[in-house]
């Protein structure tokens, strides 16, 4: 168990996973990732690294599930918009992500 100052939020949140092309099957690694700072600058967005490596000041793909773009907002619709806006800022060869995150919840 870790210790820390955790606080619950009434905000909605979503996470869109960006993966390497070919995942969950065979995929290539070593693709340069651009746009991380721009994505992280969007209000309410946090960029979580999963399958990345860093060399010479740049990030590269190093796994199938590369990044988790998590966005928080007062309502689900805005959180989804922020997460996909963050995805649009990030570029690497073969990048793939689902376009239907929270779609069922948004229909309610």
PDB file of N, CA and C in Angstrom:
ATOM      1  N   UNK A   1       0.851  -1.179   0.000  1.00  0.00           N
ATOM      2  CA  UNK A   1       0.000   0.000   0.000  1.00  0.00           C
ATOM      3  C   UNK A   1       0.893   1.238   0.000  1.00  0.00           C
ATOM      4  N   UNK A   2       0.579   2.193  -0.853  1.00  0.00           N
ATOM      5  CA  UNK A   2       1.368   3.422  -0.867  1.00  0.00           C
ATOM      6  C   UNK A   2       0.664   4.479  -0.037  1.00  0.00           C
ATOM      7  N   UNK A   3       1.461   5.378   0.467  1.00  0.00           N
ATOM      8  CA  UNK A   3       0.914   6.469   1.261  1.00  0.00           C
ATOM      9  C   UNK A   3       0.985   7.739   0.448  1.00  0.00           C
ATOM     10  N   UNK A   4       0.037   8.607   0.671  1.00  0.00           N
ATOM     11  CA  UNK A   4       0.016   9.872  -0.045  1.00  0.00           C
ATOM     12  C   UNK A   4      -1.212  10.660   0.325  1.00  0.00           C
ATOM     13  N   UNK A   5      -1.293  11.823  -0.227  1.00  0.00           N
ATOM     14  CA  UNK A   5      -2.420  12.710   0.028  1.00  0.00           C
ATOM     15  C   UNK A   5      -3.385  12.568  -1.143  1.00  0.00           C
ATOM     16  N   UNK A   6      -4.302  11.609  -1.034  1.00  0.00           N
ATOM     17  CA  UNK A   6      -5.250  11.330  -2.101  1.00  0.00           C
ATOM     18  C   UNK A   6      -6.560  12.055  -1.839  1.00  0.00           C
ATOM     19  N   UNK A   7      -7.136  12.604  -2.917  1.00  0.00           N
ATOM     20  CA  UNK A   7      -8.404  13.314  -2.799  1.00  0.00           C
ATOM     21  C   UNK A   7      -9.337  12.840  -3.902  1.00  0.00           C
ATOM     22  N   UNK A   8     -10.576  12.582  -3.552  1.00  0.00           N
ATOM     23  CA  UNK A   8     -11.591  12.216  -4.535  1.00  0.00           C
ATOM     24  C   UNK A   8     -12.070  13.467  -5.233  1.00  0.00           C
ATOM     25  N   UNK A   9     -12.428  13.311  -6.479  1.00  0.00           N
ATOM     26  CA  UNK A   9     -12.953  14.420  -7.257  1.00  0.00           C
ATOM     27  C   UNK A   9     -14.315  14.021  -7.821  1.00  0.00           C
ATOM     28  N   UNK A  10     -15.247  14.952  -7.855  1.00  0.00           N
ATOM     29  CA  UNK A  10     -16.543  14.655  -8.482  1.00  0.00           C
ATOM     30  C   UNK A  10     -16.478  14.732 -10.014  1.00  0.00           C
ATOM     31  N   UNK A  11     -15.323  15.117 -10.558  1.00  0.00           N
ATOM     32  CA  UNK A  11     -15.177  15.265 -12.000  1.00  0.00           C
ATOM     33  C   UNK A  11     -15.279  13.923 -12.720  1.00  0.00           C
ATOM     34  N   UNK A  12     -15.625  14.012 -13.981  1.00  0.00           N
ATOM     35  CA  UNK A  12     -15.593  12.846 -14.868  1.00  0.00           C
ATOM     36  C   UNK A  12     -14.182  12.706 -15.417  1.00  0.00           C
ATOM     37  N   UNK A  13     -13.777  11.480 -15.705  1.00  0.00           N
ATOM     38  CA  UNK A  13     -12.473  11.278 -16.326  1.00  0.00           C
ATOM     39  C   UNK A  13     -12.547  10.119 -17.313  1.00  0.00           C
ATOM     40  N   UNK A  14     -11.702  10.200 -18.321  1.00  0.00           N
ATOM     41  CA  UNK A  14     -11.585   9.142 -19.327  1.00  0.00           C
ATOM     42  C   UNK A  14     -10.117   8.966 -19.671  1.00  0.00           C
ATOM     43  N   UNK A  15      -9.786   7.780 -20.159  1.00  0.00           N
ATOM     44  CA  UNK A  15      -8.423   7.509 -20.607  1.00  0.00           C
ATOM     45  C   UNK A  15      -8.480   6.845 -21.974  1.00  0.00           C
ATOM     46  N   UNK A  16      -7.762   7.421 -22.917  1.00  0.00           N
ATOM     47  CA  UNK A  16      -7.635   6.850 -24.250  1.00  0.00           C
ATOM     48  C   UNK A  16      -6.213   6.318 -24.368  1.00  0.00           C
ATOM     49  N   UNK A  17      -6.081   5.042 -24.685  1.00  0.00           N
ATOM     50  CA  UNK A  17      -4.766   4.419 -24.843  1.00  0.00           C
ATOM     51  C   UNK A  17      -4.335   4.538 -26.299  1.00  0.00           C
ATOM     52  N   UNK A  18      -3.148   5.095 -26.498  1.00  0.00           N
ATOM     53  CA  UNK A  18      -2.553   5.126 -27.831  1.00  0.00           C
ATOM     54  C   UNK A  18      -1.612   3.941 -27.928  1.00  0.00           C
ATOM     55  N   UNK A  19      -1.784   3.158 -28.973  1.00  0.00           N
ATOM     56  CA  UNK A  19      -0.976   1.949 -29.133  1.00  0.00           C
ATOM     57  C   UNK A  19      -0.205   1.991 -30.447  1.00  0.00           C
ATOM     58  N   UNK A  20       0.765   1.090 -30.525  1.00  0.00           N
ATOM     59  CA  UNK A  20       1.548   0.932 -31.742  1.00  0.00           C
ATOM     60  C   UNK A  20       0.728   0.191 -32.781  1.00  0.00           C
ATOM     61  N   UNK A  21       0.911   0.540 -34.044  1.00  0.00           N
ATOM     62  CA  UNK A  21       0.244  -0.173 -35.119  1.00  0.00           C
ATOM     63  C   UNK A  21       0.581  -1.658 -35.046  1.00  0.00           C
ATOM     64  N   UNK A  22      -0.432  -2.498 -35.196  1.00  0.00           N
ATOM     65  CA  UNK A  22      -0.230  -3.936 -35.125  1.00  0.00           C
ATOM     66  C   UNK A  22      -0.544  -4.539 -33.773  1.00  0.00           C
ATOM     67  N   UNK A  23      -0.533  -3.699 -32.716  1.00  0.00           N
ATOM     68  CA  UNK A  23      -0.852  -4.188 -31.373  1.00  0.00           C
ATOM     69  C   UNK A  23      -2.299  -4.681 -31.353  1.00  0.00           C
ATOM     70  N   UNK A  24      -2.645  -5.807 -30.765  1.00  0.00           N
ATOM     71  CA  UNK A  24      -1.883  -6.631 -29.823  1.00  0.00           C
ATOM     72  C   UNK A  24      -1.010  -7.695 -30.485  1.00  0.00           C
ATOM     73  N   UNK A  25      -0.937  -7.697 -31.784  1.00  0.00           N
ATOM     74  CA  UNK A  25      -0.057  -8.635 -32.475  1.00  0.00           C
ATOM     75  C   UNK A  25       1.342  -8.058 -32.583  1.00  0.00           C
ATOM     76  N   UNK A  26       1.982  -8.330 -33.679  1.00  0.00           N
ATOM     77  CA  UNK A  26       3.340  -7.849 -33.909  1.00  0.00           C
ATOM     78  C   UNK A  26       3.320  -6.349 -34.195  1.00  0.00           C
ATOM     79  N   UNK A  27       4.217  -5.625 -33.553  1.00  0.00           N
ATOM     80  CA  UNK A  27       4.306  -4.180 -33.750  1.00  0.00           C
ATOM     81  C   UNK A  27       5.767  -3.766 -33.745  1.00  0.00           C
ATOM     82  N   UNK A  28       6.035  -2.635 -34.351  1.00  0.00           N
ATOM     83  CA  UNK A  28       7.398  -2.102 -34.398  1.00  0.00           C
ATOM     84  C   UNK A  28       7.622  -1.162 -33.220  1.00  0.00           C
ATOM     85  N   UNK A  29       8.860  -1.096 -32.789  1.00  0.00           N
ATOM     86  CA  UNK A  29       9.243  -0.174 -31.718  1.00  0.00           C
ATOM     87  C   UNK A  29      10.259   0.827 -32.271  1.00  0.00           C
ATOM     88  N   UNK A  30      10.563   1.843 -31.477  1.00  0.00           N
ATOM     89  CA  UNK A  30      11.572   2.815 -31.865  1.00  0.00           C
ATOM     90  C   UNK A  30      11.056   3.953 -32.716  1.00  0.00           C
ATOM     91  N   UNK A  31       9.743   4.157 -32.732  1.00  0.00           N
ATOM     92  CA  UNK A  31       9.154   5.267 -33.489  1.00  0.00           C
ATOM     93  C   UNK A  31       9.158   6.520 -32.620  1.00  0.00           C
ATOM     94  N   UNK A  32       9.686   7.615 -33.146  1.00  0.00           N
ATOM     95  CA  UNK A  32       9.754   8.868 -32.389  1.00  0.00           C
ATOM     96  C   UNK A  32       8.345   9.391 -32.099  1.00  0.00           C
ATOM     97  N   UNK A  33       8.133   9.852 -30.872  1.00  0.00           N
ATOM     98  CA  UNK A  33       6.842  10.392 -30.444  1.00  0.00           C
ATOM     99  C   UNK A  33       6.957  11.911 -30.354  1.00  0.00           C
ATOM    100  N   UNK A  34       6.102  12.615 -31.058  1.00  0.00           N
ATOM    101  CA  UNK A  34       6.074  14.080 -31.025  1.00  0.00           C
ATOM    102  C   UNK A  34       4.734  14.556 -30.474  1.00  0.00           C
ATOM    103  N   UNK A  35       4.731  15.752 -29.877  1.00  0.00           N
ATOM    104  CA  UNK A  35       3.502  16.383 -29.414  1.00  0.00           C
ATOM    105  C   UNK A  35       3.157  16.135 -27.959  1.00  0.00           C
ATOM    106  N   UNK A  36       4.035  15.505 -27.209  1.00  0.00           N
ATOM    107  CA  UNK A  36       3.730  15.197 -25.806  1.00  0.00           C
ATOM    108  C   UNK A  36       3.503  16.453 -24.969  1.00  0.00           C
ATOM    109  N   UNK A  37       4.345  17.448 -25.157  1.00  0.00           N
ATOM    110  CA  UNK A  37       4.181  18.684 -24.374  1.00  0.00           C
ATOM    111  C   UNK A  37       2.883  19.391 -24.722  1.00  0.00           C
ATOM    112  N   UNK A  38       2.551  19.449 -25.996  1.00  0.00           N
ATOM    113  CA  UNK A  38       1.316  20.102 -26.421  1.00  0.00           C
ATOM    114  C   UNK A  38       0.098  19.380 -25.867  1.00  0.00           C
ATOM    115  N   UNK A  39       0.126  18.056 -25.880  1.00  0.00           N
ATOM    116  CA  UNK A  39      -0.994  17.275 -25.341  1.00  0.00           C
ATOM    117  C   UNK A  39      -1.138  17.508 -23.847  1.00  0.00           C
ATOM    118  N   UNK A  40      -0.029  17.504 -23.137  1.00  0.00           N
ATOM    119  CA  UNK A  40      -0.062  17.696 -21.688  1.00  0.00           C
ATOM    120  C   UNK A  40      -0.442  19.100 -21.263  1.00  0.00           C
ATOM    121  N   UNK A  41      -0.373  20.046 -22.190  1.00  0.00           N
ATOM    122  CA  UNK A  41      -0.730  21.440 -21.875  1.00  0.00           C
ATOM    123  C   UNK A  41      -2.234  21.679 -21.935  1.00  0.00           C
ATOM    124  N   UNK A  42      -2.988  20.735 -22.464  1.00  0.00           N
ATOM    125  CA  UNK A  42      -4.444  20.890 -22.530  1.00  0.00           C
ATOM    126  C   UNK A  42      -5.015  20.794 -21.120  1.00  0.00           C
ATOM    127  N   UNK A  43      -5.896  21.700 -20.787  1.00  0.00           N
ATOM    128  CA  UNK A  43      -6.489  21.735 -19.448  1.00  0.00           C
ATOM    129  C   UNK A  43      -7.077  20.373 -19.073  1.00  0.00           C
ATOM    130  N   UNK A  44      -6.731  19.901 -17.879  1.00  0.00           N
ATOM    131  CA  UNK A  44      -7.288  18.662 -17.354  1.00  0.00           C
ATOM    132  C   UNK A  44      -6.667  17.388 -17.890  1.00  0.00           C
ATOM    133  N   UNK A  45      -5.633  17.487 -18.728  1.00  0.00           N
ATOM    134  CA  UNK A  45      -5.034  16.306 -19.359  1.00  0.00           C
ATOM    135  C   UNK A  45      -3.726  15.921 -18.678  1.00  0.00           C
ATOM    136  N   UNK A  46      -3.548  14.630 -18.473  1.00  0.00           N
ATOM    137  CA  UNK A  46      -2.286  14.050 -17.998  1.00  0.00           C
ATOM    138  C   UNK A  46      -1.879  12.989 -19.007  1.00  0.00           C
ATOM    139  N   UNK A  47      -0.616  12.968 -19.357  1.00  0.00           N
ATOM    140  CA  UNK A  47      -0.084  11.976 -20.280  1.00  0.00           C
ATOM    141  C   UNK A  47       0.695  10.955 -19.457  1.00  0.00           C
ATOM    142  N   UNK A  48       0.255   9.700 -19.514  1.00  0.00           N
ATOM    143  CA  UNK A  48       0.913   8.620 -18.794  1.00  0.00           C
ATOM    144  C   UNK A  48       1.672   7.750 -19.778  1.00  0.00           C
ATOM    145  N   UNK A  49       2.950   7.542 -19.489  1.00  0.00           N
ATOM    146  CA  UNK A  49       3.795   6.714 -20.342  1.00  0.00           C
ATOM    147  C   UNK A  49       3.664   5.257 -19.931  1.00  0.00           C
ATOM    148  N   UNK A  50       3.532   4.387 -20.909  1.00  0.00           N
ATOM    149  CA  UNK A  50       3.454   2.952 -20.655  1.00  0.00           C
ATOM    150  C   UNK A  50       4.575   2.242 -21.412  1.00  0.00           C
ATOM    151  N   UNK A  51       4.527   2.308 -22.733  1.00  0.00           N
ATOM    152  CA  UNK A  51       5.536   1.665 -23.559  1.00  0.00           C
ATOM    153  C   UNK A  51       6.361   2.702 -24.285  1.00  0.00           C
ATOM    154  N   UNK A  52       7.158   3.463 -23.515  1.00  0.00           N
ATOM    155  CA  UNK A  52       8.019   4.480 -24.116  1.00  0.00           C
ATOM    156  C   UNK A  52       9.441   4.322 -23.595  1.00  0.00           C
ATOM    157  N   UNK A  53      10.367   4.877 -24.348  1.00  0.00           N
ATOM    158  CA  UNK A  53      11.748   4.987 -23.889  1.00  0.00           C
ATOM    159  C   UNK A  53      12.224   6.391 -24.254  1.00  0.00           C
ATOM    160  N   UNK A  54      13.244   6.840 -23.563  1.00  0.00           N
ATOM    161  CA  UNK A  54      13.759   8.184 -23.818  1.00  0.00           C
ATOM    162  C   UNK A  54      15.249   8.093 -24.115  1.00  0.00           C
ATOM    163  N   UNK A  55      15.645   8.752 -25.199  1.00  0.00           N
ATOM    164  CA  UNK A  55      17.064   8.847 -25.511  1.00  0.00           C
ATOM    165  C   UNK A  55      17.312  10.163 -26.240  1.00  0.00           C
ATOM    166  N   UNK A  56      18.424  10.759 -25.928  1.00  0.00           N
ATOM    167  CA  UNK A  56      18.821  12.033 -26.542  1.00  0.00           C
ATOM    168  C   UNK A  56      17.716  13.086 -26.449  1.00  0.00           C
ATOM    169  N   UNK A  57      16.986  13.084 -25.335  1.00  0.00           N
ATOM    170  CA  UNK A  57      15.968  14.101 -25.095  1.00  0.00           C
ATOM    171  C   UNK A  57      14.645  13.883 -25.801  1.00  0.00           C
ATOM    172  N   UNK A  58      14.491  12.775 -26.507  1.00  0.00           N
ATOM    173  CA  UNK A  58      13.246  12.500 -27.225  1.00  0.00           C
ATOM    174  C   UNK A  58      12.659  11.177 -26.740  1.00  0.00           C
ATOM    175  N   UNK A  59      11.348  11.033 -26.913  1.00  0.00           N
ATOM    176  CA  UNK A  59      10.658   9.795 -26.528  1.00  0.00           C
ATOM    177  C   UNK A  59      10.374   8.959 -27.766  1.00  0.00           C
ATOM    178  N   UNK A  60      10.433   7.631 -27.570  1.00  0.00           N
ATOM    179  CA  UNK A  60      10.209   6.670 -28.641  1.00  0.00           C
ATOM    180  C   UNK A  60       9.287   5.561 -28.154  1.00  0.00           C
ATOM    181  N   UNK A  61       8.589   4.940 -29.093  1.00  0.00           N
ATOM    182  CA  UNK A  61       7.742   3.809 -28.731  1.00  0.00           C
ATOM    183  C   UNK A  61       8.620   2.636 -28.299  1.00  0.00           C
ATOM    184  N   UNK A  62       8.167   1.909 -27.268  1.00  0.00           N
ATOM    185  CA  UNK A  62       8.926   0.767 -26.750  1.00  0.00           C
ATOM    186  C   UNK A  62       7.991  -0.342 -26.296  1.00  0.00           C
ATOM    187  N   UNK A  63       6.772  -0.315 -26.785  1.00  0.00           N
ATOM    188  CA  UNK A  63       5.805  -1.327 -26.395  1.00  0.00           C
ATOM    189  C   UNK A  63       4.541  -1.195 -27.214  1.00  0.00           C
ATOM    190  N   UNK A  64       3.599  -2.087 -26.960  1.00  0.00           N
ATOM    191  CA  UNK A  64       2.336  -2.076 -27.681  1.00  0.00           C
ATOM    192  C   UNK A  64       1.410  -0.973 -27.213  1.00  0.00           C
ATOM    193  N   UNK A  65       1.207  -0.907 -25.896  1.00  0.00           N
ATOM    194  CA  UNK A  65       0.428   0.188 -25.320  1.00  0.00           C
ATOM    195  C   UNK A  65       1.418   1.287 -24.977  1.00  0.00           C
ATOM    196  N   UNK A  66       1.405   2.340 -25.746  1.00  0.00           N
ATOM    197  CA  UNK A  66       2.439   3.365 -25.668  1.00  0.00           C
ATOM    198  C   UNK A  66       2.113   4.435 -24.628  1.00  0.00           C
ATOM    199  N   UNK A  67       0.927   5.028 -24.713  1.00  0.00           N
ATOM    200  CA  UNK A  67       0.547   6.155 -23.850  1.00  0.00           C
ATOM    201  C   UNK A  67      -0.893   6.013 -23.386  1.00  0.00           C
ATOM    202  N   UNK A  68      -1.184   6.584 -22.233  1.00  0.00           N
ATOM    203  CA  UNK A  68      -2.553   6.729 -21.757  1.00  0.00           C
ATOM    204  C   UNK A  68      -2.845   8.210 -21.624  1.00  0.00           C
ATOM    205  N   UNK A  69      -3.763   8.718 -22.434  1.00  0.00           N
ATOM    206  CA  UNK A  69      -4.138  10.130 -22.384  1.00  0.00           C
ATOM    207  C   UNK A  69      -5.371  10.239 -21.509  1.00  0.00           C
ATOM    208  N   UNK A  70      -5.184  10.740 -20.317  1.00  0.00           N
ATOM    209  CA  UNK A  70      -6.270  10.818 -19.349  1.00  0.00           C
ATOM    210  C   UNK A  70      -6.715  12.263 -19.207  1.00  0.00           C
ATOM    211  N   UNK A  71      -8.017  12.477 -19.305  1.00  0.00           N
ATOM    212  CA  UNK A  71      -8.569  13.824 -19.206  1.00  0.00           C
ATOM    213  C   UNK A  71      -9.660  13.861 -18.150  1.00  0.00           C
ATOM    214  N   UNK A  72      -9.718  14.975 -17.457  1.00  0.00           N
ATOM    215  CA  UNK A  72     -10.693  15.199 -16.400  1.00  0.00           C
ATOM    216  C   UNK A  72     -11.441  16.493 -16.684  1.00  0.00           C
ATOM    217  N   UNK A  73     -12.740  16.506 -16.363  1.00  0.00           N
ATOM    218  CA  UNK A  73     -13.550  17.722 -16.537  1.00  0.00           C
ATOM    219  C   UNK A  73     -14.805  17.593 -15.675  1.00  0.00           C
ATOM    220  N   UNK A  74     -15.555  18.652 -15.570  1.00  0.00           N
ATOM    221  CA  UNK A  74     -16.791  18.633 -14.779  1.00  0.00           C
ATOM    222  C   UNK A  74     -17.833  17.689 -15.342  1.00  0.00           C
ATOM    223  N   UNK A  75     -17.791  17.493 -16.681  1.00  0.00           N
ATOM    224  CA  UNK A  75     -18.766  16.593 -17.299  1.00  0.00           C
ATOM    225  C   UNK A  75     -18.038  15.648 -18.249  1.00  0.00           C
ATOM    226  N   UNK A  76     -18.673  14.518 -18.513  1.00  0.00           N
ATOM    227  CA  UNK A  76     -18.071  13.477 -19.328  1.00  0.00           C
ATOM    228  C   UNK A  76     -17.788  13.948 -20.752  1.00  0.00           C
ATOM    229  N   UNK A  77     -18.725  14.675 -21.329  1.00  0.00           N
ATOM    230  CA  UNK A  77     -18.557  15.154 -22.699  1.00  0.00           C
ATOM    231  C   UNK A  77     -17.265  15.963 -22.847  1.00  0.00           C
ATOM    232  N   UNK A  78     -17.010  16.871 -21.919  1.00  0.00           N
ATOM    233  CA  UNK A  78     -15.812  17.706 -21.978  1.00  0.00           C
ATOM    234  C   UNK A  78     -14.559  16.876 -21.740  1.00  0.00           C
ATOM    235  N   UNK A  79     -14.635  15.912 -20.821  1.00  0.00           N
ATOM    236  CA  UNK A  79     -13.478  15.040 -20.569  1.00  0.00           C
ATOM    237  C   UNK A  79     -13.118  14.259 -21.830  1.00  0.00           C
ATOM    238  N   UNK A  80     -14.107  13.733 -22.529  1.00  0.00           N
ATOM    239  CA  UNK A  80     -13.869  12.997 -23.768  1.00  0.00           C
ATOM    240  C   UNK A  80     -13.254  13.922 -24.820  1.00  0.00           C
ATOM    241  N   UNK A  81     -13.800  15.108 -24.971  1.00  0.00           N
ATOM    242  CA  UNK A  81     -13.253  16.068 -25.934  1.00  0.00           C
ATOM    243  C   UNK A  81     -11.791  16.372 -25.643  1.00  0.00           C
ATOM    244  N   UNK A  82     -11.458  16.576 -24.373  1.00  0.00           N
ATOM    245  CA  UNK A  82     -10.077  16.878 -23.995  1.00  0.00           C
ATOM    246  C   UNK A  82      -9.150  15.705 -24.294  1.00  0.00           C
ATOM    247  N   UNK A  83      -9.583  14.498 -23.993  1.00  0.00           N
ATOM    248  CA  UNK A  83      -8.739  13.320 -24.239  1.00  0.00           C
ATOM    249  C   UNK A  83      -8.450  13.174 -25.730  1.00  0.00           C
ATOM    250  N   UNK A  84      -9.469  13.334 -26.564  1.00  0.00           N
ATOM    251  CA  UNK A  84      -9.251  13.202 -28.001  1.00  0.00           C
ATOM    252  C   UNK A  84      -8.470  14.385 -28.572  1.00  0.00           C
ATOM    253  N   UNK A  85      -8.614  15.558 -27.984  1.00  0.00           N
ATOM    254  CA  UNK A  85      -7.797  16.702 -28.407  1.00  0.00           C
ATOM    255  C   UNK A  85      -6.327  16.416 -28.108  1.00  0.00           C
ATOM    256  N   UNK A  86      -6.065  15.770 -26.975  1.00  0.00           N
ATOM    257  CA  UNK A  86      -4.692  15.397 -26.630  1.00  0.00           C
ATOM    258  C   UNK A  86      -4.157  14.362 -27.612  1.00  0.00           C
ATOM    259  N   UNK A  87      -4.970  13.378 -27.958  1.00  0.00           N
ATOM    260  CA  UNK A  87      -4.549  12.367 -28.941  1.00  0.00           C
ATOM    261  C   UNK A  87      -4.181  13.011 -30.267  1.00  0.00           C
ATOM    262  N   UNK A  88      -4.934  14.024 -30.675  1.00  0.00           N
ATOM    263  CA  UNK A  88      -4.690  14.690 -31.957  1.00  0.00           C
ATOM    264  C   UNK A  88      -3.355  15.431 -31.966  1.00  0.00           C
ATOM    265  N   UNK A  89      -2.825  15.768 -30.809  1.00  0.00           N
ATOM    266  CA  UNK A  89      -1.555  16.482 -30.720  1.00  0.00           C
ATOM    267  C   UNK A  89      -0.353  15.542 -30.817  1.00  0.00           C
ATOM    268  N   UNK A  90      -0.555  14.268 -30.542  1.00  0.00           N
ATOM    269  CA  UNK A  90       0.546  13.307 -30.476  1.00  0.00           C
ATOM    270  C   UNK A  90       0.668  12.550 -31.790  1.00  0.00           C
ATOM    271  N   UNK A  91       1.910  12.421 -32.229  1.00  0.00           N
ATOM    272  CA  UNK A  91       2.173  11.760 -33.510  1.00  0.00           C
ATOM    273  C   UNK A  91       3.329  10.786 -33.380  1.00  0.00           C
ATOM    274  N   UNK A  92       3.142   9.574 -33.882  1.00  0.00           N
ATOM    275  CA  UNK A  92       4.221   8.617 -34.119  1.00  0.00           C
ATOM    276  C   UNK A  92       3.757   7.647 -35.188  1.00  0.00           C
ATOM    277  N   UNK A  93       4.684   7.124 -35.952  1.00  0.00           N
ATOM    278  CA  UNK A  93       4.339   6.208 -37.040  1.00  0.00           C
ATOM    279  C   UNK A  93       3.565   5.018 -36.499  1.00  0.00           C
ATOM    280  N   UNK A  94       2.415   4.738 -37.087  1.00  0.00           N
ATOM    281  CA  UNK A  94       1.607   3.595 -36.699  1.00  0.00           C
ATOM    282  C   UNK A  94       0.712   3.830 -35.504  1.00  0.00           C
ATOM    283  N   UNK A  95       0.624   5.070 -35.025  1.00  0.00           N
ATOM    284  CA  UNK A  95      -0.215   5.361 -33.850  1.00  0.00           C
ATOM    285  C   UNK A  95      -1.654   4.940 -34.102  1.00  0.00           C
ATOM    286  N   UNK A  96      -2.238   4.328 -33.082  1.00  0.00           N
ATOM    287  CA  UNK A  96      -3.621   3.866 -33.181  1.00  0.00           C
ATOM    288  C   UNK A  96      -4.311   4.085 -31.844  1.00  0.00           C
ATOM    289  N   UNK A  97      -5.587   4.478 -31.881  1.00  0.00           N
ATOM    290  CA  UNK A  97      -6.390   4.566 -30.667  1.00  0.00           C
ATOM    291  C   UNK A  97      -7.857   4.423 -31.031  1.00  0.00           C
ATOM    292  N   UNK A  98      -8.621   3.941 -30.071  1.00  0.00           N
ATOM    293  CA  UNK A  98     -10.054   3.772 -30.295  1.00  0.00           C
ATOM    294  C   UNK A  98     -10.732   5.128 -30.356  1.00  0.00           C
ATOM    295  N   UNK A  99     -11.774   5.190 -31.148  1.00  0.00           N
ATOM    296  CA  UNK A  99     -12.515   6.450 -31.329  1.00  0.00           C
ATOM    297  C   UNK A  99     -13.865   6.428 -30.621  1.00  0.00           C
ATOM    298  N   UNK A 100     -14.124   5.359 -29.865  1.00  0.00           N
ATOM    299  CA  UNK A 100     -15.442   5.204 -29.242  1.00  0.00           C
ATOM    300  C   UNK A 100     -15.396   5.200 -27.708  1.00  0.00           C
ATOM    301  N   UNK A 101     -14.358   5.746 -27.124  1.00  0.00           N
ATOM    302  CA  UNK A 101     -14.246   5.750 -25.669  1.00  0.00           C
ATOM    303  C   UNK A 101     -15.408   6.545 -25.076  1.00  0.00           C
ATOM    304  N   UNK A 102     -16.113   5.942 -24.151  1.00  0.00           N
ATOM    305  CA  UNK A 102     -17.245   6.547 -23.413  1.00  0.00           C
ATOM    306  C   UNK A 102     -18.480   6.765 -24.293  1.00  0.00           C
ATOM    307  N   UNK A 103     -18.516   6.194 -25.489  1.00  0.00           N
ATOM    308  CA  UNK A 103     -19.634   6.438 -26.407  1.00  0.00           C
ATOM    309  C   UNK A 103     -20.970   5.997 -25.797  1.00  0.00           C
ATOM    310  N   UNK A 104     -21.006   4.842 -25.164  1.00  0.00           N
ATOM    311  CA  UNK A 104     -22.261   4.372 -24.553  1.00  0.00           C
ATOM    312  C   UNK A 104     -22.701   5.290 -23.423  1.00  0.00           C
ATOM    313  N   UNK A 105     -21.762   5.730 -22.609  1.00  0.00           N
ATOM    314  CA  UNK A 105     -22.104   6.624 -21.494  1.00  0.00           C
ATOM    315  C   UNK A 105     -22.610   7.969 -21.998  1.00  0.00           C
ATOM    316  N   UNK A 106     -22.046   8.459 -23.099  1.00  0.00           N
ATOM    317  CA  UNK A 106     -22.480   9.739 -23.652  1.00  0.00           C
ATOM    318  C   UNK A 106     -23.884   9.679 -24.227  1.00  0.00           C
ATOM    319  N   UNK A 107     -24.338   8.488 -24.624  1.00  0.00           N
ATOM    320  CA  UNK A 107     -25.691   8.332 -25.160  1.00  0.00           C
ATOM    321  C   UNK A 107     -26.761   8.444 -24.092  1.00  0.00           C
ATOM    322  N   UNK A 108     -26.371   8.210 -22.847  1.00  0.00           N
ATOM    323  CA  UNK A 108     -27.372   8.245 -21.753  1.00  0.00           C
ATOM    324  C   UNK A 108     -27.801   9.641 -21.436  1.00  0.00           C
TER     325      UNK A 108
END
